[in-house]
Structure formats: structure tokens, C-alpha cells
């Protein structure tokens, strides 16, 4: 990947993190109402899943220079997963303890964790397959 693309992905990654923080801590009074569930899954849990799914993928494209071997890929994906969990936990803790207009929900953290886990596995499988083709 060219240096320009790498910088673009790094900027996109940090804009994404800023967007997650904005969505988690923003005070939205006049938002349109949405259905309480979609296919039986609460929409706020789907929103959390969708919000955290891109984290490992964007991190990989922004910082993939650390994934030259299978071992380094697994380490990178593991560290990325843990950092994503810290972000998810931090947003839920912050909502519960730093705001009066939001509440922390352990099920939101569960949705975040599932998204991070699935996305991390996808990144690891794709990168290891790419390495094996070389």
C-alpha cells in the first residue's frame, strides 16, 4: 500500500474513533424515533455492533505494517481487540459516570465485544491467507 493510502487510512481511523466518541457521548434530544427492535434484536444493540465492527478493520488498514508473519498478525489482532475493548468499556463507563443524559449498559458492551471479536477474526483470517499466498 502506498504511503499516501496509509496516511489516508490513519486519518480515517482517527476520524472513526472521534465519530464513535461523538455518538457515545453526544446529547441528542431531537432524534427521530426508530423501531425498538429489528428481527427481534434491540436496535440500540445493533447500533453498537455496527459502530464497533469497523474498528479492527480500519486499524489493520491504518497500521498493517506490523503484520508480516502469522505470529505478528495474531499479536496485532489481539492487541487491536484489547484496545477496542478498552474503548468500548471506556465509553460505557463514561456514559454511566460522566454524563447525566446517558447510562452505561452491560448489554451494549456485549454487542461491542461481539462486533470486535467477529471483525478481529475476519482480519486475522484474511491477513494470514494473504501471507500464505505469497
C-alpha atoms as a PDB file:
ATOM      1  CA  UNK A   1       0.000   0.000   0.000  1.00  0.00           C
ATOM      2  CA  UNK A   2       1.365   3.412  -0.892  1.00  0.00           C
ATOM      3  CA  UNK A   3       2.378   5.920   1.753  1.00  0.00           C
ATOM      4  CA  UNK A   4      -0.469   8.246   0.719  1.00  0.00           C
ATOM      5  CA  UNK A   5      -3.050   5.485   1.143  1.00  0.00           C
ATOM      6  CA  UNK A   6      -1.562   4.565   4.512  1.00  0.00           C
ATOM      7  CA  UNK A   7      -1.859   8.163   5.732  1.00  0.00           C
ATOM      8  CA  UNK A   8      -5.431   8.353   4.417  1.00  0.00           C
ATOM      9  CA  UNK A   9      -6.356   5.195   6.344  1.00  0.00           C
ATOM     10  CA  UNK A  10      -4.713   6.525   9.501  1.00  0.00           C
ATOM     11  CA  UNK A  11      -6.719   9.742   9.215  1.00  0.00           C
ATOM     12  CA  UNK A  12      -9.878   7.719   8.540  1.00  0.00           C
ATOM     13  CA  UNK A  13      -9.159   5.537  11.596  1.00  0.00           C
ATOM     14  CA  UNK A  14      -8.828   8.539  13.923  1.00  0.00           C
ATOM     15  CA  UNK A  15     -11.918  10.187  12.413  1.00  0.00           C
ATOM     16  CA  UNK A  16     -13.774   6.931  13.040  1.00  0.00           C
ATOM     17  CA  UNK A  17     -12.634   6.874  16.701  1.00  0.00           C
ATOM     18  CA  UNK A  18     -13.740  10.506  17.066  1.00  0.00           C
ATOM     19  CA  UNK A  19     -17.093   9.585  15.496  1.00  0.00           C
ATOM     20  CA  UNK A  20     -17.575   6.709  17.948  1.00  0.00           C
ATOM     21  CA  UNK A  21     -16.841   9.036  20.859  1.00  0.00           C
ATOM     22  CA  UNK A  22     -19.249  11.623  19.460  1.00  0.00           C
ATOM     23  CA  UNK A  23     -22.010   9.042  19.068  1.00  0.00           C
ATOM     24  CA  UNK A  24     -21.400   7.609  22.537  1.00  0.00           C
ATOM     25  CA  UNK A  25     -21.232  10.928  24.369  1.00  0.00           C
ATOM     26  CA  UNK A  26     -23.340  13.240  22.216  1.00  0.00           C
ATOM     27  CA  UNK A  27     -26.513  14.658  23.679  1.00  0.00           C
ATOM     28  CA  UNK A  28     -29.180  14.056  21.042  1.00  0.00           C
ATOM     29  CA  UNK A  29     -32.562  15.465  22.072  1.00  0.00           C
ATOM     30  CA  UNK A  30     -34.424  15.655  18.779  1.00  0.00           C
ATOM     31  CA  UNK A  31     -33.578  12.384  17.112  1.00  0.00           C
ATOM     32  CA  UNK A  32     -36.256  10.604  15.119  1.00  0.00           C
ATOM     33  CA  UNK A  33     -37.780   7.571  16.757  1.00  0.00           C
ATOM     34  CA  UNK A  34     -36.746   4.190  15.433  1.00  0.00           C
ATOM     35  CA  UNK A  35     -38.318   0.788  15.955  1.00  0.00           C
ATOM     36  CA  UNK A  36     -37.331  -0.805  19.256  1.00  0.00           C
ATOM     37  CA  UNK A  37     -36.095  -3.950  17.512  1.00  0.00           C
ATOM     38  CA  UNK A  38     -35.086  -5.315  14.132  1.00  0.00           C
ATOM     39  CA  UNK A  39     -35.563  -9.055  13.581  1.00  0.00           C
ATOM     40  CA  UNK A  40     -36.028  -9.384  17.329  1.00  0.00           C
ATOM     41  CA  UNK A  41     -32.705  -7.694  18.170  1.00  0.00           C
ATOM     42  CA  UNK A  42     -32.890  -4.359  20.021  1.00  0.00           C
ATOM     43  CA  UNK A  43     -31.880  -1.589  17.617  1.00  0.00           C
ATOM     44  CA  UNK A  44     -29.548   0.047  20.125  1.00  0.00           C
ATOM     45  CA  UNK A  45     -27.577  -3.228  20.341  1.00  0.00           C
ATOM     46  CA  UNK A  46     -27.416  -3.385  16.536  1.00  0.00           C
ATOM     47  CA  UNK A  47     -26.165   0.202  16.527  1.00  0.00           C
ATOM     48  CA  UNK A  48     -23.401  -0.740  18.963  1.00  0.00           C
ATOM     49  CA  UNK A  49     -22.470  -3.764  16.865  1.00  0.00           C
ATOM     50  CA  UNK A  50     -22.321  -1.653  13.696  1.00  0.00           C
ATOM     51  CA  UNK A  51     -20.411   1.085  15.489  1.00  0.00           C
ATOM     52  CA  UNK A  52     -17.600  -1.208  16.745  1.00  0.00           C
ATOM     53  CA  UNK A  53     -17.354  -3.711  13.857  1.00  0.00           C
ATOM     54  CA  UNK A  54     -15.090  -1.451  11.726  1.00  0.00           C
ATOM     55  CA  UNK A  55     -12.513  -0.878  14.495  1.00  0.00           C
ATOM     56  CA  UNK A  56     -10.195  -3.869  13.783  1.00  0.00           C
ATOM     57  CA  UNK A  57     -10.584  -3.496  10.016  1.00  0.00           C
ATOM     58  CA  UNK A  58      -9.686   0.196   9.993  1.00  0.00           C
ATOM     59  CA  UNK A  59      -6.851  -0.413  12.465  1.00  0.00           C
ATOM     60  CA  UNK A  60      -5.474  -3.096  10.163  1.00  0.00           C
ATOM     61  CA  UNK A  61      -5.525  -0.849   7.102  1.00  0.00           C
ATOM     62  CA  UNK A  62      -4.021   2.024   9.087  1.00  0.00           C
ATOM     63  CA  UNK A  63      -1.268   0.010  10.809  1.00  0.00           C
ATOM     64  CA  UNK A  64      -0.808  -3.281   8.895  1.00  0.00           C
ATOM     65  CA  UNK A  65       2.941  -2.831   8.608  1.00  0.00           C
ATOM     66  CA  UNK A  66       3.090  -4.820  11.859  1.00  0.00           C
ATOM     67  CA  UNK A  67       1.659  -7.995  10.270  1.00  0.00           C
ATOM     68  CA  UNK A  68       4.394  -9.639   8.224  1.00  0.00           C
ATOM     69  CA  UNK A  69       4.140 -13.094   9.860  1.00  0.00           C
ATOM     70  CA  UNK A  70       1.314 -15.216  11.260  1.00  0.00           C
ATOM     71  CA  UNK A  71       2.624 -14.612  14.781  1.00  0.00           C
ATOM     72  CA  UNK A  72       2.757 -10.844  14.261  1.00  0.00           C
ATOM     73  CA  UNK A  73      -0.741 -10.875  12.750  1.00  0.00           C
ATOM     74  CA  UNK A  74      -2.161 -12.725  15.749  1.00  0.00           C
ATOM     75  CA  UNK A  75      -0.367 -10.354  18.128  1.00  0.00           C
ATOM     76  CA  UNK A  76      -1.571  -7.302  16.198  1.00  0.00           C
ATOM     77  CA  UNK A  77      -5.163  -8.571  16.079  1.00  0.00           C
ATOM     78  CA  UNK A  78      -5.056  -9.456  19.781  1.00  0.00           C
ATOM     79  CA  UNK A  79      -3.743  -6.047  20.779  1.00  0.00           C
ATOM     80  CA  UNK A  80      -6.246  -4.338  18.474  1.00  0.00           C
ATOM     81  CA  UNK A  81      -9.073  -6.374  20.027  1.00  0.00           C
ATOM     82  CA  UNK A  82      -7.965  -5.385  23.544  1.00  0.00           C
ATOM     83  CA  UNK A  83      -7.690  -1.704  22.588  1.00  0.00           C
ATOM     84  CA  UNK A  84     -11.165  -1.922  21.031  1.00  0.00           C
ATOM     85  CA  UNK A  85     -12.471  -3.490  24.256  1.00  0.00           C
ATOM     86  CA  UNK A  86     -10.889  -0.674  26.265  1.00  0.00           C
ATOM     87  CA  UNK A  87     -12.603   1.869  24.012  1.00  0.00           C
ATOM     88  CA  UNK A  88     -15.935   0.055  24.371  1.00  0.00           C
ATOM     89  CA  UNK A  89     -15.583  -0.274  28.139  1.00  0.00           C
ATOM     90  CA  UNK A  90     -14.435   3.329  28.435  1.00  0.00           C
ATOM     91  CA  UNK A  91     -17.431   4.641  26.529  1.00  0.00           C
ATOM     92  CA  UNK A  92     -19.882   2.620  28.637  1.00  0.00           C
ATOM     93  CA  UNK A  93     -18.149   3.609  31.873  1.00  0.00           C
ATOM     94  CA  UNK A  94     -18.045   7.233  30.741  1.00  0.00           C
ATOM     95  CA  UNK A  95     -21.725   7.219  29.851  1.00  0.00           C
ATOM     96  CA  UNK A  96     -22.591   5.819  33.278  1.00  0.00           C
ATOM     97  CA  UNK A  97     -20.262   8.018  35.348  1.00  0.00           C
ATOM     98  CA  UNK A  98     -19.545  11.196  33.385  1.00  0.00           C
ATOM     99  CA  UNK A  99     -22.934  12.073  31.895  1.00  0.00           C
ATOM    100  CA  UNK A 100     -26.382  12.655  33.277  1.00  0.00           C
ATOM    101  CA  UNK A 101     -28.095  12.091  29.921  1.00  0.00           C
ATOM    102  CA  UNK A 102     -26.658   8.616  29.137  1.00  0.00           C
ATOM    103  CA  UNK A 103     -26.446   5.359  31.023  1.00  0.00           C
ATOM    104  CA  UNK A 104     -23.945   2.539  30.768  1.00  0.00           C
ATOM    105  CA  UNK A 105     -25.415  -0.781  29.679  1.00  0.00           C
ATOM    106  CA  UNK A 106     -23.558  -4.094  30.012  1.00  0.00           C
ATOM    107  CA  UNK A 107     -25.503  -5.429  27.021  1.00  0.00           C
ATOM    108  CA  UNK A 108     -24.129  -2.571  24.900  1.00  0.00           C
ATOM    109  CA  UNK A 109     -20.657  -3.697  25.938  1.00  0.00           C
ATOM    110  CA  UNK A 110     -21.610  -7.249  24.950  1.00  0.00           C
ATOM    111  CA  UNK A 111     -22.696  -6.076  21.480  1.00  0.00           C
ATOM    112  CA  UNK A 112     -19.449  -4.092  21.142  1.00  0.00           C
ATOM    113  CA  UNK A 113     -17.400  -7.141  22.182  1.00  0.00           C
ATOM    114  CA  UNK A 114     -19.157  -9.466  19.721  1.00  0.00           C
ATOM    115  CA  UNK A 115     -18.559  -6.975  16.900  1.00  0.00           C
ATOM    116  CA  UNK A 116     -14.891  -6.596  17.816  1.00  0.00           C
ATOM    117  CA  UNK A 117     -14.443 -10.363  18.092  1.00  0.00           C
ATOM    118  CA  UNK A 118     -16.023 -11.179  14.731  1.00  0.00           C
ATOM    119  CA  UNK A 119     -14.204  -8.362  12.960  1.00  0.00           C
ATOM    120  CA  UNK A 120     -10.883  -9.345  14.564  1.00  0.00           C
ATOM    121  CA  UNK A 121     -11.270 -12.949  13.410  1.00  0.00           C
ATOM    122  CA  UNK A 122     -12.071 -11.759   9.875  1.00  0.00           C
ATOM    123  CA  UNK A 123      -8.946  -9.552   9.834  1.00  0.00           C
ATOM    124  CA  UNK A 124      -6.753 -12.394  11.129  1.00  0.00           C
ATOM    125  CA  UNK A 125      -8.102 -14.956   8.650  1.00  0.00           C
ATOM    126  CA  UNK A 126      -7.784 -12.617   5.657  1.00  0.00           C
ATOM    127  CA  UNK A 127      -4.279 -11.453   6.573  1.00  0.00           C
ATOM    128  CA  UNK A 128      -2.998 -14.972   7.267  1.00  0.00           C
ATOM    129  CA  UNK A 129      -4.497 -16.181   3.968  1.00  0.00           C
ATOM    130  CA  UNK A 130      -2.758 -13.274   2.212  1.00  0.00           C
ATOM    131  CA  UNK A 131       0.556 -14.257   3.816  1.00  0.00           C
ATOM    132  CA  UNK A 132       0.177 -17.886   2.782  1.00  0.00           C
ATOM    133  CA  UNK A 133      -0.419 -16.897  -0.854  1.00  0.00           C
ATOM    134  CA  UNK A 134       2.971 -15.151  -1.015  1.00  0.00           C
END
